[in-house]
Amino acid sequence: MATFDALRKRTKQLSERIVKLTGVEQSIAMNVIMYAKNLTPPSNPDVIDKVVFIAQLCTRFGMSSMFLIDIIFESLKVKGCAYMKLEEYVRMVCVFLTTDIEVKIDFVFRCYDIQRDGYLDFKEIYTLLTVSRSYS
């Protein structure tokens, strides 16, 4: 079991990585981390399961499209598992909170790159535009 100082150190390191990746303020990153830690199961404090993820996106962000929620979850989850790492969840929330448009664009492309090949093909772009159109 980790000591309190070790946990604080890991949390601070996570916060610094999130700030570097998303451009949010340190205090925002720390608040999101503390909130997210309350969402994890006691047996595995570093993961967010799909049910919790869906509930958070619906209640906290007002998302109602299961299609979009599934696309986001699939892009962030651990391959072959029904959960994502806490760090990925925190990063996603901070992407929603950042004012840096490039960070947001990178996140959207990462979500819609269904084949995970680093490119968006015609089908992936079609899916992106079709879903976007229904929300405009």
C-alpha atoms as a PDB file:
ATOM      1  CA  MET A   1       0.000   0.000   0.000  1.00  0.00           C
ATOM      2  CA  ALA A   2       1.298   3.433  -0.929  1.00  0.00           C
ATOM      3  CA  THR A   3       2.070   6.024   1.681  1.00  0.00           C
ATOM      4  CA  PHE A   4       0.305   9.357   1.784  1.00  0.00           C
ATOM      5  CA  ASP A   5       3.403  11.141   0.467  1.00  0.00           C
ATOM      6  CA  ALA A   6       3.676   8.680  -2.428  1.00  0.00           C
ATOM      7  CA  LEU A   7       0.013   9.233  -3.315  1.00  0.00           C
ATOM      8  CA  ARG A   8       0.463  13.006  -3.190  1.00  0.00           C
ATOM      9  CA  LYS A   9       3.533  12.745  -5.401  1.00  0.00           C
ATOM     10  CA  ARG A  10       1.702  10.570  -7.967  1.00  0.00           C
ATOM     11  CA  THR A  11      -1.253  12.968  -7.982  1.00  0.00           C
ATOM     12  CA  LYS A  12       1.022  15.971  -8.503  1.00  0.00           C
ATOM     13  CA  GLN A  13       2.829  14.205 -11.365  1.00  0.00           C
ATOM     14  CA  LEU A  14      -0.511  13.336 -12.969  1.00  0.00           C
ATOM     15  CA  SER A  15      -1.628  16.927 -12.593  1.00  0.00           C
ATOM     16  CA  GLU A  16       1.551  18.199 -14.258  1.00  0.00           C
ATOM     17  CA  ARG A  17       1.082  15.798 -17.201  1.00  0.00           C
ATOM     18  CA  ILE A  18      -2.532  16.892 -17.627  1.00  0.00           C
ATOM     19  CA  VAL A  19      -1.580  20.581 -17.551  1.00  0.00           C
ATOM     20  CA  LYS A  20       1.112  19.964 -20.162  1.00  0.00           C
ATOM     21  CA  LEU A  21      -1.250  17.993 -22.430  1.00  0.00           C
ATOM     22  CA  THR A  22      -4.331  20.211 -22.169  1.00  0.00           C
ATOM     23  CA  GLY A  23      -3.211  23.660 -21.084  1.00  0.00           C
ATOM     24  CA  VAL A  24      -5.666  23.938 -18.196  1.00  0.00           C
ATOM     25  CA  GLU A  25      -4.590  25.599 -14.968  1.00  0.00           C
ATOM     26  CA  GLN A  26      -2.955  23.466 -12.284  1.00  0.00           C
ATOM     27  CA  SER A  27      -5.819  24.066  -9.849  1.00  0.00           C
ATOM     28  CA  ILE A  28      -8.396  22.890 -12.398  1.00  0.00           C
ATOM     29  CA  ALA A  29      -6.407  19.752 -13.132  1.00  0.00           C
ATOM     30  CA  MET A  30      -6.119  18.973  -9.412  1.00  0.00           C
ATOM     31  CA  ASN A  31      -9.856  19.509  -8.870  1.00  0.00           C
ATOM     32  CA  VAL A  32     -10.714  17.189 -11.765  1.00  0.00           C
ATOM     33  CA  ILE A  33      -8.316  14.541 -10.436  1.00  0.00           C
ATOM     34  CA  MET A  34      -9.839  14.709  -6.953  1.00  0.00           C
ATOM     35  CA  TYR A  35     -13.353  14.478  -8.384  1.00  0.00           C
ATOM     36  CA  ALA A  36     -12.419  11.569 -10.666  1.00  0.00           C
ATOM     37  CA  LYS A  37     -10.829   9.638  -7.811  1.00  0.00           C
ATOM     38  CA  ASN A  38     -14.270   9.555  -6.180  1.00  0.00           C
ATOM     39  CA  LEU A  39     -15.661   7.757  -9.237  1.00  0.00           C
ATOM     40  CA  THR A  40     -13.303   4.786  -9.142  1.00  0.00           C
ATOM     41  CA  PRO A  41     -14.234   1.412  -7.653  1.00  0.00           C
ATOM     42  CA  PRO A  42     -12.599   0.640  -4.282  1.00  0.00           C
ATOM     43  CA  SER A  43     -11.032  -2.519  -5.676  1.00  0.00           C
ATOM     44  CA  ASN A  44      -9.228  -0.675  -8.481  1.00  0.00           C
ATOM     45  CA  PRO A  45      -8.668   3.030  -7.727  1.00  0.00           C
ATOM     46  CA  ASP A  46      -7.025   3.831 -11.064  1.00  0.00           C
ATOM     47  CA  VAL A  47      -9.903   2.990 -13.439  1.00  0.00           C
ATOM     48  CA  ILE A  48     -13.277   4.364 -14.516  1.00  0.00           C
ATOM     49  CA  ASP A  49     -15.753   1.760 -15.702  1.00  0.00           C
ATOM     50  CA  LYS A  50     -18.153   2.219 -18.608  1.00  0.00           C
ATOM     51  CA  VAL A  51     -21.307   2.644 -16.515  1.00  0.00           C
ATOM     52  CA  VAL A  52     -19.744   5.463 -14.495  1.00  0.00           C
ATOM     53  CA  PHE A  53     -18.368   7.034 -17.688  1.00  0.00           C
ATOM     54  CA  ILE A  54     -21.805   7.031 -19.346  1.00  0.00           C
ATOM     55  CA  ALA A  55     -23.456   8.461 -16.230  1.00  0.00           C
ATOM     56  CA  GLN A  56     -20.883  11.258 -15.992  1.00  0.00           C
ATOM     57  CA  LEU A  57     -21.153  12.284 -19.643  1.00  0.00           C
ATOM     58  CA  CYS A  58     -24.948  12.294 -19.463  1.00  0.00           C
ATOM     59  CA  THR A  59     -25.322  14.120 -16.146  1.00  0.00           C
ATOM     60  CA  ARG A  60     -22.277  16.408 -16.045  1.00  0.00           C
ATOM     61  CA  PHE A  61     -21.915  17.261 -19.725  1.00  0.00           C
ATOM     62  CA  GLY A  62     -25.497  16.831 -20.946  1.00  0.00           C
ATOM     63  CA  MET A  63     -24.565  14.330 -23.623  1.00  0.00           C
ATOM     64  CA  SER A  64     -27.524  12.278 -24.801  1.00  0.00           C
ATOM     65  CA  SER A  65     -26.137  10.442 -27.819  1.00  0.00           C
ATOM     66  CA  MET A  66     -25.048   6.944 -26.879  1.00  0.00           C
ATOM     67  CA  PHE A  67     -23.320   6.787 -30.257  1.00  0.00           C
ATOM     68  CA  LEU A  68     -21.033   9.696 -29.344  1.00  0.00           C
ATOM     69  CA  ILE A  69     -20.494   8.416 -25.819  1.00  0.00           C
ATOM     70  CA  ASP A  70     -19.523   4.991 -27.184  1.00  0.00           C
ATOM     71  CA  ILE A  71     -17.099   6.525 -29.688  1.00  0.00           C
ATOM     72  CA  ILE A  72     -15.418   8.537 -26.942  1.00  0.00           C
ATOM     73  CA  PHE A  73     -15.287   5.576 -24.564  1.00  0.00           C
ATOM     74  CA  GLU A  74     -13.883   3.212 -27.191  1.00  0.00           C
ATOM     75  CA  SER A  75     -11.126   5.690 -28.037  1.00  0.00           C
ATOM     76  CA  LEU A  76     -10.088   6.042 -24.385  1.00  0.00           C
ATOM     77  CA  LYS A  77     -10.585   2.593 -22.869  1.00  0.00           C
ATOM     78  CA  VAL A  78      -7.943   0.003 -22.225  1.00  0.00           C
ATOM     79  CA  LYS A  79      -7.890  -2.386 -25.173  1.00  0.00           C
ATOM     80  CA  GLY A  80      -9.943  -5.505 -24.488  1.00  0.00           C
ATOM     81  CA  CYS A  81     -11.419  -4.133 -21.239  1.00  0.00           C
ATOM     82  CA  ALA A  82     -14.611  -2.365 -20.206  1.00  0.00           C
ATOM     83  CA  TYR A  83     -12.833   0.420 -18.367  1.00  0.00           C
ATOM     84  CA  MET A  84     -10.465   3.320 -18.931  1.00  0.00           C
ATOM     85  CA  LYS A  85      -7.564   4.533 -16.882  1.00  0.00           C
ATOM     86  CA  LEU A  86      -8.221   7.362 -14.471  1.00  0.00           C
ATOM     87  CA  GLU A  87      -5.631   9.488 -16.283  1.00  0.00           C
ATOM     88  CA  GLU A  88      -7.509   9.168 -19.591  1.00  0.00           C
ATOM     89  CA  TYR A  89     -10.756  10.231 -17.941  1.00  0.00           C
ATOM     90  CA  VAL A  90      -9.105  13.242 -16.293  1.00  0.00           C
ATOM     91  CA  ARG A  91      -7.469  14.191 -19.576  1.00  0.00           C
ATOM     92  CA  MET A  92     -10.820  13.997 -21.388  1.00  0.00           C
ATOM     93  CA  VAL A  93     -12.547  16.233 -18.845  1.00  0.00           C
ATOM     94  CA  CYS A  94      -9.677  18.735 -19.035  1.00  0.00           C
ATOM     95  CA  VAL A  95      -9.916  18.730 -22.843  1.00  0.00           C
ATOM     96  CA  PHE A  96     -13.562  19.744 -22.443  1.00  0.00           C
ATOM     97  CA  LEU A  97     -12.473  22.544 -20.076  1.00  0.00           C
ATOM     98  CA  THR A  98      -9.496  23.917 -22.003  1.00  0.00           C
ATOM     99  CA  THR A  99      -9.653  26.965 -24.243  1.00  0.00           C
ATOM    100  CA  ASP A 100      -6.934  25.570 -26.528  1.00  0.00           C
ATOM    101  CA  ILE A 101      -8.747  24.708 -29.766  1.00  0.00           C
ATOM    102  CA  GLU A 102      -5.863  22.572 -31.064  1.00  0.00           C
ATOM    103  CA  VAL A 103      -6.132  20.285 -28.036  1.00  0.00           C
ATOM    104  CA  LYS A 104      -9.867  19.920 -28.680  1.00  0.00           C
ATOM    105  CA  ILE A 105      -9.334  19.174 -32.377  1.00  0.00           C
ATOM    106  CA  ASP A 106      -6.689  16.545 -31.566  1.00  0.00           C
ATOM    107  CA  PHE A 107      -9.128  14.907 -29.158  1.00  0.00           C
ATOM    108  CA  VAL A 108     -11.931  14.797 -31.742  1.00  0.00           C
ATOM    109  CA  PHE A 109      -9.645  13.271 -34.357  1.00  0.00           C
ATOM    110  CA  ARG A 110      -8.438  10.712 -31.835  1.00  0.00           C
ATOM    111  CA  CYS A 111     -12.044   9.734 -31.081  1.00  0.00           C
ATOM    112  CA  TYR A 112     -13.100   9.437 -34.720  1.00  0.00           C
ATOM    113  CA  ASP A 113      -9.993   7.544 -35.823  1.00  0.00           C
ATOM    114  CA  ILE A 114     -11.896   4.295 -35.360  1.00  0.00           C
ATOM    115  CA  GLN A 115      -9.235   2.193 -37.090  1.00  0.00           C
ATOM    116  CA  ARG A 116      -6.491   3.730 -34.883  1.00  0.00           C
ATOM    117  CA  ASP A 117      -4.225   4.218 -37.889  1.00  0.00           C
ATOM    118  CA  GLY A 118      -3.526   7.930 -37.394  1.00  0.00           C
ATOM    119  CA  TYR A 119      -5.690   8.949 -40.363  1.00  0.00           C
ATOM    120  CA  LEU A 120      -9.352   9.629 -40.954  1.00  0.00           C
ATOM    121  CA  ASP A 121     -10.622   7.787 -44.005  1.00  0.00           C
ATOM    122  CA  PHE A 122     -13.808   8.589 -45.914  1.00  0.00           C
ATOM    123  CA  LYS A 123     -16.035   6.423 -43.704  1.00  0.00           C
ATOM    124  CA  GLU A 124     -14.657   7.980 -40.509  1.00  0.00           C
ATOM    125  CA  ILE A 125     -15.134  11.518 -41.858  1.00  0.00           C
ATOM    126  CA  TYR A 126     -18.649  10.629 -43.022  1.00  0.00           C
ATOM    127  CA  THR A 127     -19.475   9.373 -39.519  1.00  0.00           C
ATOM    128  CA  LEU A 128     -18.039  12.542 -37.957  1.00  0.00           C
ATOM    129  CA  LEU A 129     -20.011  14.843 -40.244  1.00  0.00           C
ATOM    130  CA  THR A 130     -23.246  12.871 -39.941  1.00  0.00           C
ATOM    131  CA  VAL A 131     -23.150  12.959 -36.154  1.00  0.00           C
ATOM    132  CA  SER A 132     -22.075  16.620 -36.093  1.00  0.00           C
ATOM    133  CA  ARG A 133     -24.916  17.566 -38.419  1.00  0.00           C
ATOM    134  CA  SER A 134     -27.501  16.047 -36.112  1.00  0.00           C
ATOM    135  CA  TYR A 135     -26.267  18.333 -33.298  1.00  0.00           C
ATOM    136  CA  SER A 136     -26.087  21.586 -35.244  1.00  0.00           C
END
